[in-house]
């Protein structure tokens, strides 16, 4: 989203009320210090609706899961990675 809008990191930081190093960290998928809530707020500031869907897992699977939507770099923290993928 930030890339689509062609915003410089400093401009994006101003819109999201953070400093430029935080935008740089997001761009590099360094997610320490970013909660799911904070990333959802960033998305709403960028005029996006955020919807979380919870559903019962299939009986064929023993445990629930959080899919990472095909991005291997995000597999360590998929719930945050999905939001970062949307932001960028």
N, C-alpha and C. Protein backbone atom coordinates (compact mmCIF):
# COMPACT_ATOMS: atom_id res chain seq x y z
N UNK A 1 0.81 -1.17 0.00
CA UNK A 1 0.00 0.00 0.00
C UNK A 1 0.87 1.26 0.00
N UNK A 2 1.87 1.27 0.85
CA UNK A 2 2.77 2.43 0.87
C UNK A 2 3.54 2.53 -0.45
N UNK A 3 3.95 1.38 -0.98
CA UNK A 3 4.66 1.38 -2.26
C UNK A 3 3.75 1.81 -3.39
N UNK A 4 2.49 1.35 -3.37
CA UNK A 4 1.53 1.73 -4.41
C UNK A 4 1.28 3.23 -4.40
N UNK A 5 1.29 3.82 -3.25
CA UNK A 5 1.07 5.27 -3.13
C UNK A 5 2.35 6.05 -3.39
N UNK A 6 3.46 5.35 -3.56
CA UNK A 6 4.76 5.96 -3.84
C UNK A 6 5.13 7.02 -2.79
N UNK A 7 4.88 6.65 -1.53
CA UNK A 7 5.21 7.56 -0.45
C UNK A 7 6.65 7.32 0.00
N UNK A 8 7.38 8.39 0.17
CA UNK A 8 8.71 8.28 0.77
C UNK A 8 8.53 7.83 2.21
N UNK A 9 9.53 7.17 2.75
CA UNK A 9 9.42 6.67 4.12
C UNK A 9 9.14 7.79 5.12
N UNK A 10 9.71 8.95 4.91
CA UNK A 10 9.48 10.06 5.83
C UNK A 10 8.04 10.55 5.77
N UNK A 11 7.47 10.57 4.58
CA UNK A 11 6.07 10.98 4.41
C UNK A 11 5.14 9.92 5.01
N UNK A 12 5.43 8.65 4.74
CA UNK A 12 4.64 7.57 5.31
C UNK A 12 4.70 7.61 6.84
N UNK A 13 5.87 7.87 7.38
CA UNK A 13 6.04 7.95 8.83
C UNK A 13 5.18 9.08 9.40
N UNK A 14 5.13 10.19 8.73
CA UNK A 14 4.33 11.31 9.17
C UNK A 14 2.84 10.95 9.18
N UNK A 15 2.37 10.29 8.13
CA UNK A 15 0.96 9.86 8.05
C UNK A 15 0.61 8.89 9.16
N UNK A 16 1.54 8.01 9.49
CA UNK A 16 1.27 6.96 10.48
C UNK A 16 1.69 7.36 11.90
N UNK A 17 2.20 8.58 12.03
CA UNK A 17 2.60 9.13 13.33
C UNK A 17 3.68 8.29 14.01
N UNK A 18 4.66 7.87 13.22
CA UNK A 18 5.83 7.16 13.72
C UNK A 18 7.06 7.80 13.09
N UNK A 19 8.25 7.38 13.51
CA UNK A 19 9.45 7.93 12.89
C UNK A 19 9.86 7.07 11.69
N UNK A 20 10.73 7.61 10.87
CA UNK A 20 11.14 6.94 9.64
C UNK A 20 11.79 5.59 9.89
N UNK A 21 12.60 5.43 10.94
CA UNK A 21 13.18 4.10 11.18
C UNK A 21 12.12 3.00 11.40
N UNK A 22 10.95 3.37 11.93
CA UNK A 22 9.88 2.38 12.10
C UNK A 22 9.37 1.91 10.73
N UNK A 23 9.25 2.83 9.80
CA UNK A 23 8.80 2.47 8.44
C UNK A 23 9.86 1.60 7.78
N UNK A 24 11.12 1.95 7.98
CA UNK A 24 12.21 1.14 7.44
C UNK A 24 12.16 -0.27 8.02
N UNK A 25 11.91 -0.38 9.31
CA UNK A 25 11.82 -1.69 9.96
C UNK A 25 10.67 -2.50 9.36
N UNK A 26 9.52 -1.86 9.18
CA UNK A 26 8.38 -2.56 8.55
C UNK A 26 8.73 -3.03 7.15
N UNK A 27 9.40 -2.18 6.39
CA UNK A 27 9.78 -2.53 5.02
C UNK A 27 10.69 -3.75 4.97
N UNK A 28 11.44 -3.95 6.05
CA UNK A 28 12.36 -5.10 6.13
C UNK A 28 11.76 -6.26 6.91
N UNK A 29 10.47 -6.16 7.24
CA UNK A 29 9.77 -7.20 8.01
C UNK A 29 10.39 -7.42 9.39
N UNK A 30 10.99 -6.39 9.96
CA UNK A 30 11.46 -6.45 11.35
C UNK A 30 10.28 -6.02 12.21
N UNK A 31 9.60 -6.98 12.80
CA UNK A 31 8.30 -6.72 13.42
C UNK A 31 8.33 -6.54 14.92
N UNK A 32 9.51 -6.58 15.52
CA UNK A 32 9.58 -6.36 16.97
C UNK A 32 9.04 -4.97 17.29
N UNK A 33 8.17 -4.90 18.27
CA UNK A 33 7.60 -3.62 18.67
C UNK A 33 6.32 -3.26 17.95
N UNK A 34 5.85 -4.11 17.03
CA UNK A 34 4.60 -3.85 16.33
C UNK A 34 3.57 -4.90 16.72
N UNK A 35 2.50 -4.48 17.32
CA UNK A 35 1.41 -5.41 17.66
C UNK A 35 0.45 -5.51 16.48
N UNK A 36 -0.37 -6.53 16.51
CA UNK A 36 -1.41 -6.67 15.48
C UNK A 36 -2.30 -5.43 15.52
N UNK A 37 -2.63 -4.99 16.72
CA UNK A 37 -3.49 -3.81 16.86
C UNK A 37 -2.86 -2.58 16.20
N UNK A 38 -1.59 -2.38 16.43
CA UNK A 38 -0.91 -1.21 15.85
C UNK A 38 -0.91 -1.28 14.32
N UNK A 39 -0.66 -2.47 13.78
CA UNK A 39 -0.66 -2.62 12.32
C UNK A 39 -2.06 -2.41 11.75
N UNK A 40 -3.07 -2.86 12.48
CA UNK A 40 -4.45 -2.62 12.02
C UNK A 40 -4.76 -1.12 12.03
N UNK A 41 -4.28 -0.41 13.03
CA UNK A 41 -4.49 1.04 13.07
C UNK A 41 -3.80 1.69 11.88
N UNK A 42 -2.58 1.27 11.56
CA UNK A 42 -1.89 1.80 10.38
C UNK A 42 -2.75 1.62 9.13
N UNK A 43 -3.33 0.44 8.98
CA UNK A 43 -4.15 0.17 7.79
C UNK A 43 -5.37 1.08 7.75
N UNK A 44 -6.01 1.30 8.90
CA UNK A 44 -7.19 2.18 8.88
C UNK A 44 -6.80 3.62 8.58
N UNK A 45 -5.62 4.05 9.04
CA UNK A 45 -5.14 5.39 8.71
C UNK A 45 -4.94 5.51 7.19
N UNK A 46 -4.60 4.41 6.56
CA UNK A 46 -4.40 4.39 5.11
C UNK A 46 -5.70 4.06 4.36
N UNK A 47 -6.84 4.33 5.00
CA UNK A 47 -8.18 4.18 4.40
C UNK A 47 -8.54 2.75 4.05
N UNK A 48 -8.07 1.81 4.85
CA UNK A 48 -8.41 0.41 4.62
C UNK A 48 -9.33 -0.08 5.74
N UNK A 49 -10.30 -0.91 5.38
CA UNK A 49 -11.09 -1.62 6.38
C UNK A 49 -10.31 -2.86 6.77
N UNK A 50 -10.39 -3.24 8.02
CA UNK A 50 -9.71 -4.43 8.51
C UNK A 50 -10.78 -5.37 9.06
N UNK A 51 -10.71 -6.61 8.62
CA UNK A 51 -11.67 -7.61 9.07
C UNK A 51 -10.91 -8.87 9.45
N UNK A 52 -11.17 -9.37 10.64
CA UNK A 52 -10.55 -10.63 11.06
C UNK A 52 -11.63 -11.70 11.04
N UNK A 53 -11.29 -12.84 10.51
CA UNK A 53 -12.25 -13.94 10.40
C UNK A 53 -11.76 -15.10 11.25
N UNK A 54 -12.64 -15.61 12.08
CA UNK A 54 -12.34 -16.77 12.91
C UNK A 54 -13.31 -17.86 12.51
N UNK A 55 -12.80 -19.05 12.29
CA UNK A 55 -13.68 -20.17 11.94
C UNK A 55 -13.16 -21.43 12.60
N UNK A 56 -14.07 -22.35 12.82
CA UNK A 56 -13.70 -23.64 13.41
C UNK A 56 -12.81 -24.38 12.42
N UNK A 57 -11.77 -25.02 12.95
CA UNK A 57 -10.85 -25.77 12.10
C UNK A 57 -11.58 -27.02 11.57
N UNK A 58 -11.14 -27.54 10.42
CA UNK A 58 -11.72 -28.77 9.92
C UNK A 58 -11.42 -29.94 10.86
N UNK A 59 -12.28 -30.90 10.90
CA UNK A 59 -12.07 -32.08 11.74
C UNK A 59 -10.85 -32.86 11.30
N UNK A 60 -10.45 -32.70 10.06
CA UNK A 60 -9.29 -33.43 9.53
C UNK A 60 -7.96 -32.92 10.09
N UNK A 61 -7.96 -31.73 10.70
CA UNK A 61 -6.74 -31.16 11.26
C UNK A 61 -6.82 -31.19 12.78
N UNK A 62 -5.70 -31.50 13.46
CA UNK A 62 -5.69 -31.62 14.92
C UNK A 62 -5.73 -30.26 15.63
N UNK A 63 -5.06 -29.27 15.06
CA UNK A 63 -4.99 -27.96 15.70
C UNK A 63 -5.34 -26.85 14.71
N UNK A 64 -5.69 -25.70 15.26
CA UNK A 64 -5.94 -24.54 14.41
C UNK A 64 -4.64 -24.02 13.82
N UNK A 65 -4.74 -23.11 12.87
CA UNK A 65 -3.54 -22.55 12.24
C UNK A 65 -3.78 -21.11 11.84
N UNK A 66 -2.69 -20.43 11.62
CA UNK A 66 -2.71 -19.08 11.07
C UNK A 66 -1.94 -19.15 9.76
N UNK A 67 -2.63 -19.09 8.62
CA UNK A 67 -1.91 -19.20 7.34
C UNK A 67 -1.04 -17.98 7.09
N UNK A 68 0.07 -18.19 6.38
CA UNK A 68 0.95 -17.06 6.08
C UNK A 68 0.79 -16.57 4.65
N UNK A 69 -0.20 -17.05 3.96
CA UNK A 69 -0.54 -16.59 2.61
C UNK A 69 0.64 -16.64 1.64
N UNK A 70 1.42 -17.71 1.75
CA UNK A 70 2.44 -18.00 0.75
C UNK A 70 3.72 -17.20 0.85
N UNK A 71 3.95 -16.50 1.91
CA UNK A 71 5.18 -15.73 2.03
C UNK A 71 6.11 -16.40 3.03
N UNK A 72 7.14 -17.12 2.56
CA UNK A 72 8.02 -17.83 3.49
C UNK A 72 8.72 -16.92 4.48
N UNK A 73 8.98 -15.68 4.11
CA UNK A 73 9.65 -14.76 5.02
C UNK A 73 8.78 -14.42 6.22
N UNK A 74 7.49 -14.66 6.10
CA UNK A 74 6.58 -14.28 7.16
C UNK A 74 6.18 -15.45 8.05
N UNK A 75 6.70 -16.62 7.80
CA UNK A 75 6.22 -17.80 8.50
C UNK A 75 6.51 -17.78 9.99
N UNK A 76 7.49 -17.00 10.43
CA UNK A 76 7.81 -16.98 11.86
C UNK A 76 6.77 -16.22 12.67
N UNK A 77 6.10 -15.25 12.09
CA UNK A 77 5.04 -14.51 12.77
C UNK A 77 3.96 -14.18 11.74
N UNK A 78 3.22 -15.18 11.31
CA UNK A 78 2.29 -14.96 10.20
C UNK A 78 1.21 -13.95 10.48
N UNK A 79 0.71 -13.87 11.71
CA UNK A 79 -0.39 -12.95 11.97
C UNK A 79 0.05 -11.51 11.75
N UNK A 80 1.25 -11.15 12.17
CA UNK A 80 1.76 -9.81 11.91
C UNK A 80 2.19 -9.65 10.47
N UNK A 81 2.79 -10.70 9.92
CA UNK A 81 3.29 -10.64 8.55
C UNK A 81 2.21 -10.33 7.54
N UNK A 82 1.01 -10.85 7.74
CA UNK A 82 -0.09 -10.58 6.82
C UNK A 82 -0.40 -9.09 6.79
N UNK A 83 -0.40 -8.44 7.96
CA UNK A 83 -0.66 -7.02 8.01
C UNK A 83 0.47 -6.21 7.36
N UNK A 84 1.70 -6.62 7.59
CA UNK A 84 2.83 -5.90 6.99
C UNK A 84 2.78 -6.03 5.47
N UNK A 85 2.46 -7.22 4.99
CA UNK A 85 2.36 -7.45 3.56
C UNK A 85 1.33 -6.49 2.94
N UNK A 86 0.23 -6.29 3.65
CA UNK A 86 -0.81 -5.38 3.17
C UNK A 86 -0.33 -3.92 3.20
N UNK A 87 0.38 -3.56 4.26
CA UNK A 87 0.86 -2.19 4.38
C UNK A 87 1.83 -1.81 3.27
N UNK A 88 2.69 -2.76 2.92
CA UNK A 88 3.72 -2.46 1.93
C UNK A 88 3.14 -2.67 0.57
